[in-house]
């Protein structure tokens, strides 16, 4: 399976805000960061994580930094990690 920007937009859009966290991949309370969500149910975990990492890297971004709110550019603003990740993916889609 090929993991594309559209794949990740669809995947992350379905995950409720209450299931997201920052600072760790899994907080032990059912909340995960963007990379942590790539280890939930996928049998090709490494491929999915690598694909997300590469999509961001090819656009000079770091998944964990966007998830955790390190980037403050208007494109990635948002009070919630899910919002920031989706904003970044939509930006990547526009510029690609």
PDB file of N, CA and C in Angstrom:
ATOM      1  N   UNK A   1       0.832  -1.174   0.000  1.00  0.00           N
ATOM      2  CA  UNK A   1       0.000   0.000   0.000  1.00  0.00           C
ATOM      3  C   UNK A   1       0.882   1.245   0.000  1.00  0.00           C
ATOM      4  N   UNK A   2       0.458   2.235  -0.757  1.00  0.00           N
ATOM      5  CA  UNK A   2       1.188   3.501  -0.787  1.00  0.00           C
ATOM      6  C   UNK A   2       0.501   4.491   0.152  1.00  0.00           C
ATOM      7  N   UNK A   3       1.259   5.036   1.075  1.00  0.00           N
ATOM      8  CA  UNK A   3       0.733   5.994   2.037  1.00  0.00           C
ATOM      9  C   UNK A   3       0.989   7.403   1.507  1.00  0.00           C
ATOM     10  N   UNK A   4      -0.074   8.096   1.180  1.00  0.00           N
ATOM     11  CA  UNK A   4       0.010   9.420   0.577  1.00  0.00           C
ATOM     12  C   UNK A   4      -0.462  10.487   1.558  1.00  0.00           C
ATOM     13  N   UNK A   5      -0.301  11.734   1.147  1.00  0.00           N
ATOM     14  CA  UNK A   5      -0.805  12.852   1.950  1.00  0.00           C
ATOM     15  C   UNK A   5      -2.308  12.683   2.161  1.00  0.00           C
ATOM     16  N   UNK A   6      -3.027  12.344   1.101  1.00  0.00           N
ATOM     17  CA  UNK A   6      -4.475  12.147   1.223  1.00  0.00           C
ATOM     18  C   UNK A   6      -4.825  11.018   2.184  1.00  0.00           C
ATOM     19  N   UNK A   7      -4.047   9.958   2.170  1.00  0.00           N
ATOM     20  CA  UNK A   7      -4.259   8.846   3.098  1.00  0.00           C
ATOM     21  C   UNK A   7      -4.186   9.354   4.544  1.00  0.00           C
ATOM     22  N   UNK A   8      -3.132  10.130   4.842  1.00  0.00           N
ATOM     23  CA  UNK A   8      -2.955  10.602   6.213  1.00  0.00           C
ATOM     24  C   UNK A   8      -3.995  11.656   6.605  1.00  0.00           C
ATOM     25  N   UNK A   9      -4.402  12.491   5.670  1.00  0.00           N
ATOM     26  CA  UNK A   9      -5.464  13.458   5.969  1.00  0.00           C
ATOM     27  C   UNK A   9      -6.735  12.698   6.353  1.00  0.00           C
ATOM     28  N   UNK A  10      -7.069  11.695   5.588  1.00  0.00           N
ATOM     29  CA  UNK A  10      -8.273  10.904   5.870  1.00  0.00           C
ATOM     30  C   UNK A  10      -8.136  10.163   7.198  1.00  0.00           C
ATOM     31  N   UNK A  11      -6.986   9.545   7.420  1.00  0.00           N
ATOM     32  CA  UNK A  11      -6.743   8.787   8.651  1.00  0.00           C
ATOM     33  C   UNK A  11      -6.857   9.674   9.883  1.00  0.00           C
ATOM     34  N   UNK A  12      -6.140  10.797   9.871  1.00  0.00           N
ATOM     35  CA  UNK A  12      -6.112  11.655  11.053  1.00  0.00           C
ATOM     36  C   UNK A  12      -7.417  12.416  11.265  1.00  0.00           C
ATOM     37  N   UNK A  13      -8.148  12.665  10.193  1.00  0.00           N
ATOM     38  CA  UNK A  13      -9.441  13.344  10.323  1.00  0.00           C
ATOM     39  C   UNK A  13     -10.448  12.493  11.086  1.00  0.00           C
ATOM     40  N   UNK A  14     -10.282  11.198  11.038  1.00  0.00           N
ATOM     41  CA  UNK A  14     -11.203  10.281  11.715  1.00  0.00           C
ATOM     42  C   UNK A  14     -10.890  10.079  13.195  1.00  0.00           C
ATOM     43  N   UNK A  15      -9.722  10.498  13.624  1.00  0.00           N
ATOM     44  CA  UNK A  15      -9.320  10.277  15.019  1.00  0.00           C
ATOM     45  C   UNK A  15      -9.793  11.468  15.848  1.00  0.00           C
ATOM     46  N   UNK A  16     -10.616  11.233  16.865  1.00  0.00           N
ATOM     47  CA  UNK A  16     -11.140  12.340  17.677  1.00  0.00           C
ATOM     48  C   UNK A  16     -10.039  13.111  18.406  1.00  0.00           C
ATOM     49  N   UNK A  17     -10.315  14.380  18.655  1.00  0.00           N
ATOM     50  CA  UNK A  17      -9.364  15.226  19.390  1.00  0.00           C
ATOM     51  C   UNK A  17      -8.957  14.592  20.723  1.00  0.00           C
ATOM     52  N   UNK A  18      -9.887  13.919  21.360  1.00  0.00           N
ATOM     53  CA  UNK A  18      -9.625  13.338  22.680  1.00  0.00           C
ATOM     54  C   UNK A  18      -8.597  12.207  22.646  1.00  0.00           C
ATOM     55  N   UNK A  19      -8.234  11.741  21.467  1.00  0.00           N
ATOM     56  CA  UNK A  19      -7.270  10.634  21.331  1.00  0.00           C
ATOM     57  C   UNK A  19      -5.870  11.106  20.961  1.00  0.00           C
ATOM     58  N   UNK A  20      -5.612  12.424  21.049  1.00  0.00           N
ATOM     59  CA  UNK A  20      -4.314  12.979  20.674  1.00  0.00           C
ATOM     60  C   UNK A  20      -3.560  13.463  21.914  1.00  0.00           C
ATOM     61  N   UNK A  21      -2.224  13.432  21.809  1.00  0.00           N
ATOM     62  CA  UNK A  21      -1.378  13.935  22.882  1.00  0.00           C
ATOM     63  C   UNK A  21      -0.128  14.587  22.294  1.00  0.00           C
ATOM     64  N   UNK A  22       0.653  15.203  23.137  1.00  0.00           N
ATOM     65  CA  UNK A  22       1.925  15.794  22.741  1.00  0.00           C
ATOM     66  C   UNK A  22       3.016  15.280  23.680  1.00  0.00           C
ATOM     67  N   UNK A  23       4.249  15.373  23.213  1.00  0.00           N
ATOM     68  CA  UNK A  23       5.390  15.036  24.047  1.00  0.00           C
ATOM     69  C   UNK A  23       5.789  13.571  24.084  1.00  0.00           C
ATOM     70  N   UNK A  24       4.858  12.688  23.834  1.00  0.00           N
ATOM     71  CA  UNK A  24       5.122  11.242  23.812  1.00  0.00           C
ATOM     72  C   UNK A  24       4.303  10.605  22.702  1.00  0.00           C
ATOM     73  N   UNK A  25       4.725   9.428  22.262  1.00  0.00           N
ATOM     74  CA  UNK A  25       3.954   8.774  21.196  1.00  0.00           C
ATOM     75  C   UNK A  25       2.685   8.126  21.742  1.00  0.00           C
ATOM     76  N   UNK A  26       2.721   7.698  23.003  1.00  0.00           N
ATOM     77  CA  UNK A  26       1.569   7.055  23.635  1.00  0.00           C
ATOM     78  C   UNK A  26       1.611   7.413  25.121  1.00  0.00           C
ATOM     79  N   UNK A  27       0.574   8.088  25.607  1.00  0.00           N
ATOM     80  CA  UNK A  27       0.597   8.526  27.004  1.00  0.00           C
ATOM     81  C   UNK A  27       0.082   7.477  27.984  1.00  0.00           C
ATOM     82  N   UNK A  28      -0.281   6.290  27.496  1.00  0.00           N
ATOM     83  CA  UNK A  28      -0.770   5.230  28.362  1.00  0.00           C
ATOM     84  C   UNK A  28      -2.234   5.392  28.767  1.00  0.00           C
ATOM     85  N   UNK A  29      -2.863   6.455  28.280  1.00  0.00           N
ATOM     86  CA  UNK A  29      -4.271   6.714  28.594  1.00  0.00           C
ATOM     87  C   UNK A  29      -5.120   6.700  27.330  1.00  0.00           C
ATOM     88  N   UNK A  30      -4.584   6.074  26.274  1.00  0.00           N
ATOM     89  CA  UNK A  30      -5.322   5.968  25.022  1.00  0.00           C
ATOM     90  C   UNK A  30      -5.117   7.135  24.075  1.00  0.00           C
ATOM     91  N   UNK A  31      -4.215   8.040  24.426  1.00  0.00           N
ATOM     92  CA  UNK A  31      -3.925   9.179  23.553  1.00  0.00           C
ATOM     93  C   UNK A  31      -2.553   8.974  22.932  1.00  0.00           C
ATOM     94  N   UNK A  32      -2.449   9.383  21.647  1.00  0.00           N
ATOM     95  CA  UNK A  32      -1.194   9.215  20.915  1.00  0.00           C
ATOM     96  C   UNK A  32      -0.894  10.456  20.090  1.00  0.00           C
ATOM     97  N   UNK A  33       0.368  10.606  19.716  1.00  0.00           N
ATOM     98  CA  UNK A  33       0.758  11.666  18.789  1.00  0.00           C
ATOM     99  C   UNK A  33       0.535  11.142  17.369  1.00  0.00           C
ATOM    100  N   UNK A  34       0.847  11.939  16.369  1.00  0.00           N
ATOM    101  CA  UNK A  34       0.638  11.524  14.978  1.00  0.00           C
ATOM    102  C   UNK A  34       1.386  10.227  14.663  1.00  0.00           C
ATOM    103  N   UNK A  35       2.644  10.144  15.049  1.00  0.00           N
ATOM    104  CA  UNK A  35       3.406   8.924  14.790  1.00  0.00           C
ATOM    105  C   UNK A  35       2.858   7.754  15.597  1.00  0.00           C
ATOM    106  N   UNK A  36       2.431   8.024  16.807  1.00  0.00           N
ATOM    107  CA  UNK A  36       1.835   6.979  17.644  1.00  0.00           C
ATOM    108  C   UNK A  36       0.576   6.406  17.032  1.00  0.00           C
ATOM    109  N   UNK A  37      -0.203   7.244  16.368  1.00  0.00           N
ATOM    110  CA  UNK A  37      -1.414   6.752  15.704  1.00  0.00           C
ATOM    111  C   UNK A  37      -1.078   5.837  14.530  1.00  0.00           C
ATOM    112  N   UNK A  38       0.116   5.906  14.036  1.00  0.00           N
ATOM    113  CA  UNK A  38       0.525   5.031  12.935  1.00  0.00           C
ATOM    114  C   UNK A  38       0.901   3.646  13.433  1.00  0.00           C
ATOM    115  N   UNK A  39       0.891   3.425  14.733  1.00  0.00           N
ATOM    116  CA  UNK A  39       1.198   2.105  15.289  1.00  0.00           C
ATOM    117  C   UNK A  39      -0.034   1.432  15.857  1.00  0.00           C
ATOM    118  N   UNK A  40      -1.213   2.054  15.725  1.00  0.00           N
ATOM    119  CA  UNK A  40      -2.438   1.502  16.305  1.00  0.00           C
ATOM    120  C   UNK A  40      -2.821   0.140  15.745  1.00  0.00           C
ATOM    121  N   UNK A  41      -3.196   0.093  14.479  1.00  0.00           N
ATOM    122  CA  UNK A  41      -3.793  -1.122  13.929  1.00  0.00           C
ATOM    123  C   UNK A  41      -3.118  -1.604  12.658  1.00  0.00           C
ATOM    124  N   UNK A  42      -2.132  -0.900  12.188  1.00  0.00           N
ATOM    125  CA  UNK A  42      -1.556  -1.218  10.889  1.00  0.00           C
ATOM    126  C   UNK A  42      -0.544  -2.344  11.003  1.00  0.00           C
ATOM    127  N   UNK A  43      -0.668  -3.345  10.148  1.00  0.00           N
ATOM    128  CA  UNK A  43       0.285  -4.449  10.173  1.00  0.00           C
ATOM    129  C   UNK A  43       1.631  -4.050   9.572  1.00  0.00           C
ATOM    130  N   UNK A  44       1.658  -2.988   8.789  1.00  0.00           N
ATOM    131  CA  UNK A  44       2.907  -2.478   8.217  1.00  0.00           C
ATOM    132  C   UNK A  44       3.322  -1.215   8.957  1.00  0.00           C
ATOM    133  N   UNK A  45       3.452  -1.298  10.256  1.00  0.00           N
ATOM    134  CA  UNK A  45       3.709  -0.140  11.099  1.00  0.00           C
ATOM    135  C   UNK A  45       4.913   0.674  10.644  1.00  0.00           C
ATOM    136  N   UNK A  46       6.006  -0.003  10.379  1.00  0.00           N
ATOM    137  CA  UNK A  46       7.219   0.704  10.003  1.00  0.00           C
ATOM    138  C   UNK A  46       7.010   1.456   8.690  1.00  0.00           C
ATOM    139  N   UNK A  47       6.331   0.849   7.750  1.00  0.00           N
ATOM    140  CA  UNK A  47       6.089   1.489   6.461  1.00  0.00           C
ATOM    141  C   UNK A  47       5.221   2.730   6.627  1.00  0.00           C
ATOM    142  N   UNK A  48       4.170   2.645   7.431  1.00  0.00           N
ATOM    143  CA  UNK A  48       3.275   3.782   7.631  1.00  0.00           C
ATOM    144  C   UNK A  48       4.001   4.928   8.348  1.00  0.00           C
ATOM    145  N   UNK A  49       4.724   4.607   9.386  1.00  0.00           N
ATOM    146  CA  UNK A  49       5.480   5.623  10.123  1.00  0.00           C
ATOM    147  C   UNK A  49       6.531   6.249   9.211  1.00  0.00           C
ATOM    148  N   UNK A  50       7.265   5.420   8.489  1.00  0.00           N
ATOM    149  CA  UNK A  50       8.298   5.928   7.584  1.00  0.00           C
ATOM    150  C   UNK A  50       7.712   6.830   6.517  1.00  0.00           C
ATOM    151  N   UNK A  51       6.566   6.449   5.990  1.00  0.00           N
ATOM    152  CA  UNK A  51       5.917   7.259   4.953  1.00  0.00           C
ATOM    153  C   UNK A  51       5.530   8.626   5.487  1.00  0.00           C
ATOM    154  N   UNK A  52       4.922   8.669   6.675  1.00  0.00           N
ATOM    155  CA  UNK A  52       4.536   9.952   7.268  1.00  0.00           C
ATOM    156  C   UNK A  52       5.779  10.802   7.534  1.00  0.00           C
ATOM    157  N   UNK A  53       6.787  10.189   8.125  1.00  0.00           N
ATOM    158  CA  UNK A  53       8.041  10.888   8.392  1.00  0.00           C
ATOM    159  C   UNK A  53       8.616  11.475   7.109  1.00  0.00           C
ATOM    160  N   UNK A  54       8.653  10.671   6.037  1.00  0.00           N
ATOM    161  CA  UNK A  54       9.235  11.120   4.769  1.00  0.00           C
ATOM    162  C   UNK A  54       8.424  12.227   4.113  1.00  0.00           C
ATOM    163  N   UNK A  55       7.109  12.145   4.179  1.00  0.00           N
ATOM    164  CA  UNK A  55       6.264  13.205   3.618  1.00  0.00           C
ATOM    165  C   UNK A  55       6.599  14.543   4.276  1.00  0.00           C
ATOM    166  N   UNK A  56       6.743  14.541   5.579  1.00  0.00           N
ATOM    167  CA  UNK A  56       7.084  15.777   6.289  1.00  0.00           C
ATOM    168  C   UNK A  56       8.523  16.189   5.975  1.00  0.00           C
ATOM    169  N   UNK A  57       9.456  15.235   6.030  1.00  0.00           N
ATOM    170  CA  UNK A  57      10.874  15.519   5.803  1.00  0.00           C
ATOM    171  C   UNK A  57      11.115  16.119   4.422  1.00  0.00           C
ATOM    172  N   UNK A  58      10.443  15.595   3.409  1.00  0.00           N
ATOM    173  CA  UNK A  58      10.598  16.115   2.045  1.00  0.00           C
ATOM    174  C   UNK A  58      10.117  17.557   1.911  1.00  0.00           C
ATOM    175  N   UNK A  59       9.360  18.016   2.896  1.00  0.00           N
ATOM    176  CA  UNK A  59       8.869  19.388   2.914  1.00  0.00           C
ATOM    177  C   UNK A  59       9.514  20.198   4.044  1.00  0.00           C
ATOM    178  N   UNK A  60      10.681  19.719   4.483  1.00  0.00           N
ATOM    179  CA  UNK A  60      11.468  20.388   5.523  1.00  0.00           C
ATOM    180  C   UNK A  60      10.698  20.567   6.825  1.00  0.00           C
ATOM    181  N   UNK A  61       9.922  19.557   7.176  1.00  0.00           N
ATOM    182  CA  UNK A  61       9.146  19.570   8.412  1.00  0.00           C
ATOM    183  C   UNK A  61       9.456  18.334   9.234  1.00  0.00           C
ATOM    184  N   UNK A  62       9.164  18.419  10.512  1.00  0.00           N
ATOM    185  CA  UNK A  62       9.347  17.295  11.422  1.00  0.00           C
ATOM    186  C   UNK A  62       7.994  17.001  12.062  1.00  0.00           C
ATOM    187  N   UNK A  63       7.531  15.762  11.918  1.00  0.00           N
ATOM    188  CA  UNK A  63       6.202  15.388  12.402  1.00  0.00           C
ATOM    189  C   UNK A  63       6.024  15.750  13.868  1.00  0.00           C
ATOM    190  N   UNK A  64       6.957  15.336  14.715  1.00  0.00           N
ATOM    191  CA  UNK A  64       6.809  15.566  16.156  1.00  0.00           C
ATOM    192  C   UNK A  64       6.810  17.052  16.503  1.00  0.00           C
ATOM    193  N   UNK A  65       7.581  17.847  15.787  1.00  0.00           N
ATOM    194  CA  UNK A  65       7.610  19.289  16.053  1.00  0.00           C
ATOM    195  C   UNK A  65       6.273  19.935  15.707  1.00  0.00           C
ATOM    196  N   UNK A  66       5.674  19.535  14.605  1.00  0.00           N
ATOM    197  CA  UNK A  66       4.356  20.063  14.230  1.00  0.00           C
ATOM    198  C   UNK A  66       3.320  19.566  15.223  1.00  0.00           C
ATOM    199  N   UNK A  67       3.339  18.276  15.531  1.00  0.00           N
ATOM    200  CA  UNK A  67       2.390  17.701  16.487  1.00  0.00           C
ATOM    201  C   UNK A  67       2.431  18.451  17.819  1.00  0.00           C
ATOM    202  N   UNK A  68       3.641  18.713  18.294  1.00  0.00           N
ATOM    203  CA  UNK A  68       3.811  19.324  19.615  1.00  0.00           C
ATOM    204  C   UNK A  68       3.721  20.844  19.617  1.00  0.00           C
ATOM    205  N   UNK A  69       3.550  21.440  18.452  1.00  0.00           N
ATOM    206  CA  UNK A  69       3.373  22.891  18.384  1.00  0.00           C
ATOM    207  C   UNK A  69       4.642  23.693  18.386  1.00  0.00           C
ATOM    208  N   UNK A  70       5.753  23.084  17.997  1.00  0.00           N
ATOM    209  CA  UNK A  70       7.033  23.786  17.956  1.00  0.00           C
ATOM    210  C   UNK A  70       7.045  24.819  16.836  1.00  0.00           C
ATOM    211  N   UNK A  71       6.466  24.466  15.675  1.00  0.00           N
ATOM    212  CA  UNK A  71       6.388  25.423  14.573  1.00  0.00           C
ATOM    213  C   UNK A  71       5.261  26.400  14.830  1.00  0.00           C
ATOM    214  N   UNK A  72       5.516  27.675  14.622  1.00  0.00           N
ATOM    215  CA  UNK A  72       4.491  28.681  14.895  1.00  0.00           C
ATOM    216  C   UNK A  72       4.001  29.388  13.646  1.00  0.00           C
ATOM    217  N   UNK A  73       4.442  28.926  12.466  1.00  0.00           N
ATOM    218  CA  UNK A  73       3.966  29.547  11.237  1.00  0.00           C
ATOM    219  C   UNK A  73       2.454  29.447  11.182  1.00  0.00           C
ATOM    220  N   UNK A  74       1.835  30.423  10.574  1.00  0.00           N
ATOM    221  CA  UNK A  74       0.373  30.489  10.513  1.00  0.00           C
ATOM    222  C   UNK A  74      -0.245  29.211   9.956  1.00  0.00           C
ATOM    223  N   UNK A  75       0.437  28.576   9.015  1.00  0.00           N
ATOM    224  CA  UNK A  75      -0.098  27.363   8.389  1.00  0.00           C
ATOM    225  C   UNK A  75      -0.327  26.257   9.415  1.00  0.00           C
ATOM    226  N   UNK A  76       0.518  26.199  10.419  1.00  0.00           N
ATOM    227  CA  UNK A  76       0.467  25.095  11.366  1.00  0.00           C
ATOM    228  C   UNK A  76      -0.153  25.484  12.699  1.00  0.00           C
ATOM    229  N   UNK A  77      -0.685  26.690  12.792  1.00  0.00           N
ATOM    230  CA  UNK A  77      -1.274  27.115  14.054  1.00  0.00           C
ATOM    231  C   UNK A  77      -2.488  26.269  14.376  1.00  0.00           C
ATOM    232  N   UNK A  78      -2.712  26.152  15.637  1.00  0.00           N
ATOM    233  CA  UNK A  78      -3.856  25.414  16.137  1.00  0.00           C
ATOM    234  C   UNK A  78      -3.600  25.068  17.585  1.00  0.00           C
ATOM    235  N   UNK A  79      -4.647  25.056  18.364  1.00  0.00           N
ATOM    236  CA  UNK A  79      -4.484  24.750  19.789  1.00  0.00           C
ATOM    237  C   UNK A  79      -4.378  23.258  20.044  1.00  0.00           C
ATOM    238  N   UNK A  80      -4.605  22.489  19.012  1.00  0.00           N
ATOM    239  CA  UNK A  80      -4.657  21.042  19.188  1.00  0.00           C
ATOM    240  C   UNK A  80      -3.706  20.335  18.218  1.00  0.00           C
ATOM    241  N   UNK A  81      -3.034  19.255  18.655  1.00  0.00           N
ATOM    242  CA  UNK A  81      -2.089  18.562  17.771  1.00  0.00           C
ATOM    243  C   UNK A  81      -2.738  18.045  16.485  1.00  0.00           C
ATOM    244  N   UNK A  82      -3.947  17.544  16.576  1.00  0.00           N
ATOM    245  CA  UNK A  82      -4.636  17.059  15.370  1.00  0.00           C
ATOM    246  C   UNK A  82      -4.808  18.190  14.367  1.00  0.00           C
ATOM    247  N   UNK A  83      -5.183  19.359  14.849  1.00  0.00           N
ATOM    248  CA  UNK A  83      -5.365  20.522  13.980  1.00  0.00           C
ATOM    249  C   UNK A  83      -4.058  20.901  13.307  1.00  0.00           C
ATOM    250  N   UNK A  84      -2.967  20.923  14.066  1.00  0.00           N
ATOM    251  CA  UNK A  84      -1.664  21.288  13.504  1.00  0.00           C
ATOM    252  C   UNK A  84      -1.205  20.282  12.458  1.00  0.00           C
ATOM    253  N   UNK A  85      -1.366  18.991  12.743  1.00  0.00           N
ATOM    254  CA  UNK A  85      -0.955  17.955  11.792  1.00  0.00           C
ATOM    255  C   UNK A  85      -1.775  18.048  10.512  1.00  0.00           C
ATOM    256  N   UNK A  86      -3.083  18.193  10.638  1.00  0.00           N
ATOM    257  CA  UNK A  86      -3.927  18.300   9.450  1.00  0.00           C
ATOM    258  C   UNK A  86      -3.623  19.567   8.665  1.00  0.00           C
ATOM    259  N   UNK A  87      -3.364  20.686   9.358  1.00  0.00           N
ATOM    260  CA  UNK A  87      -2.980  21.922   8.663  1.00  0.00           C
ATOM    261  C   UNK A  87      -1.683  21.730   7.890  1.00  0.00           C
ATOM    262  N   UNK A  88      -0.723  21.051   8.495  1.00  0.00           N
ATOM    263  CA  UNK A  88       0.561  20.799   7.825  1.00  0.00           C
ATOM    264  C   UNK A  88       0.363  19.896   6.609  1.00  0.00           C
ATOM    265  N   UNK A  89      -0.436  18.845   6.757  1.00  0.00           N
ATOM    266  CA  UNK A  89      -0.680  17.952   5.620  1.00  0.00           C
ATOM    267  C   UNK A  89      -1.398  18.663   4.488  1.00  0.00           C
ATOM    268  N   UNK A  90      -2.349  19.509   4.819  1.00  0.00           N
ATOM    269  CA  UNK A  90      -3.053  20.276   3.778  1.00  0.00           C
ATOM    270  C   UNK A  90      -2.113  21.266   3.087  1.00  0.00           C
ATOM    271  N   UNK A  91      -1.206  21.833   3.862  1.00  0.00           N
ATOM    272  CA  UNK A  91      -0.183  22.722   3.286  1.00  0.00           C
ATOM    273  C   UNK A  91       0.708  21.926   2.328  1.00  0.00           C
ATOM    274  N   UNK A  92       1.177  20.773   2.756  1.00  0.00           N
ATOM    275  CA  UNK A  92       2.028  19.918   1.921  1.00  0.00           C
ATOM    276  C   UNK A  92       1.287  19.563   0.634  1.00  0.00           C
ATOM    277  N   UNK A  93       0.022  19.241   0.738  1.00  0.00           N
ATOM    278  CA  UNK A  93      -0.780  18.911  -0.444  1.00  0.00           C
ATOM    279  C   UNK A  93      -0.856  20.083  -1.405  1.00  0.00           C
ATOM    280  N   UNK A  94      -0.994  21.281  -0.877  1.00  0.00           N
ATOM    281  CA  UNK A  94      -1.092  22.486  -1.742  1.00  0.00           C
ATOM    282  C   UNK A  94       0.227  22.772  -2.442  1.00  0.00           C
ATOM    283  N   UNK A  95       1.333  22.597  -1.769  1.00  0.00           N
ATOM    284  CA  UNK A  95       2.633  22.984  -2.358  1.00  0.00           C
ATOM    285  C   UNK A  95       3.270  21.865  -3.168  1.00  0.00           C
ATOM    286  N   UNK A  96       2.747  20.682  -3.070  1.00  0.00           N
ATOM    287  CA  UNK A  96       3.333  19.532  -3.803  1.00  0.00           C
ATOM    288  C   UNK A  96       2.823  19.460  -5.220  1.00  0.00           C
TER     289      UNK A  96
END
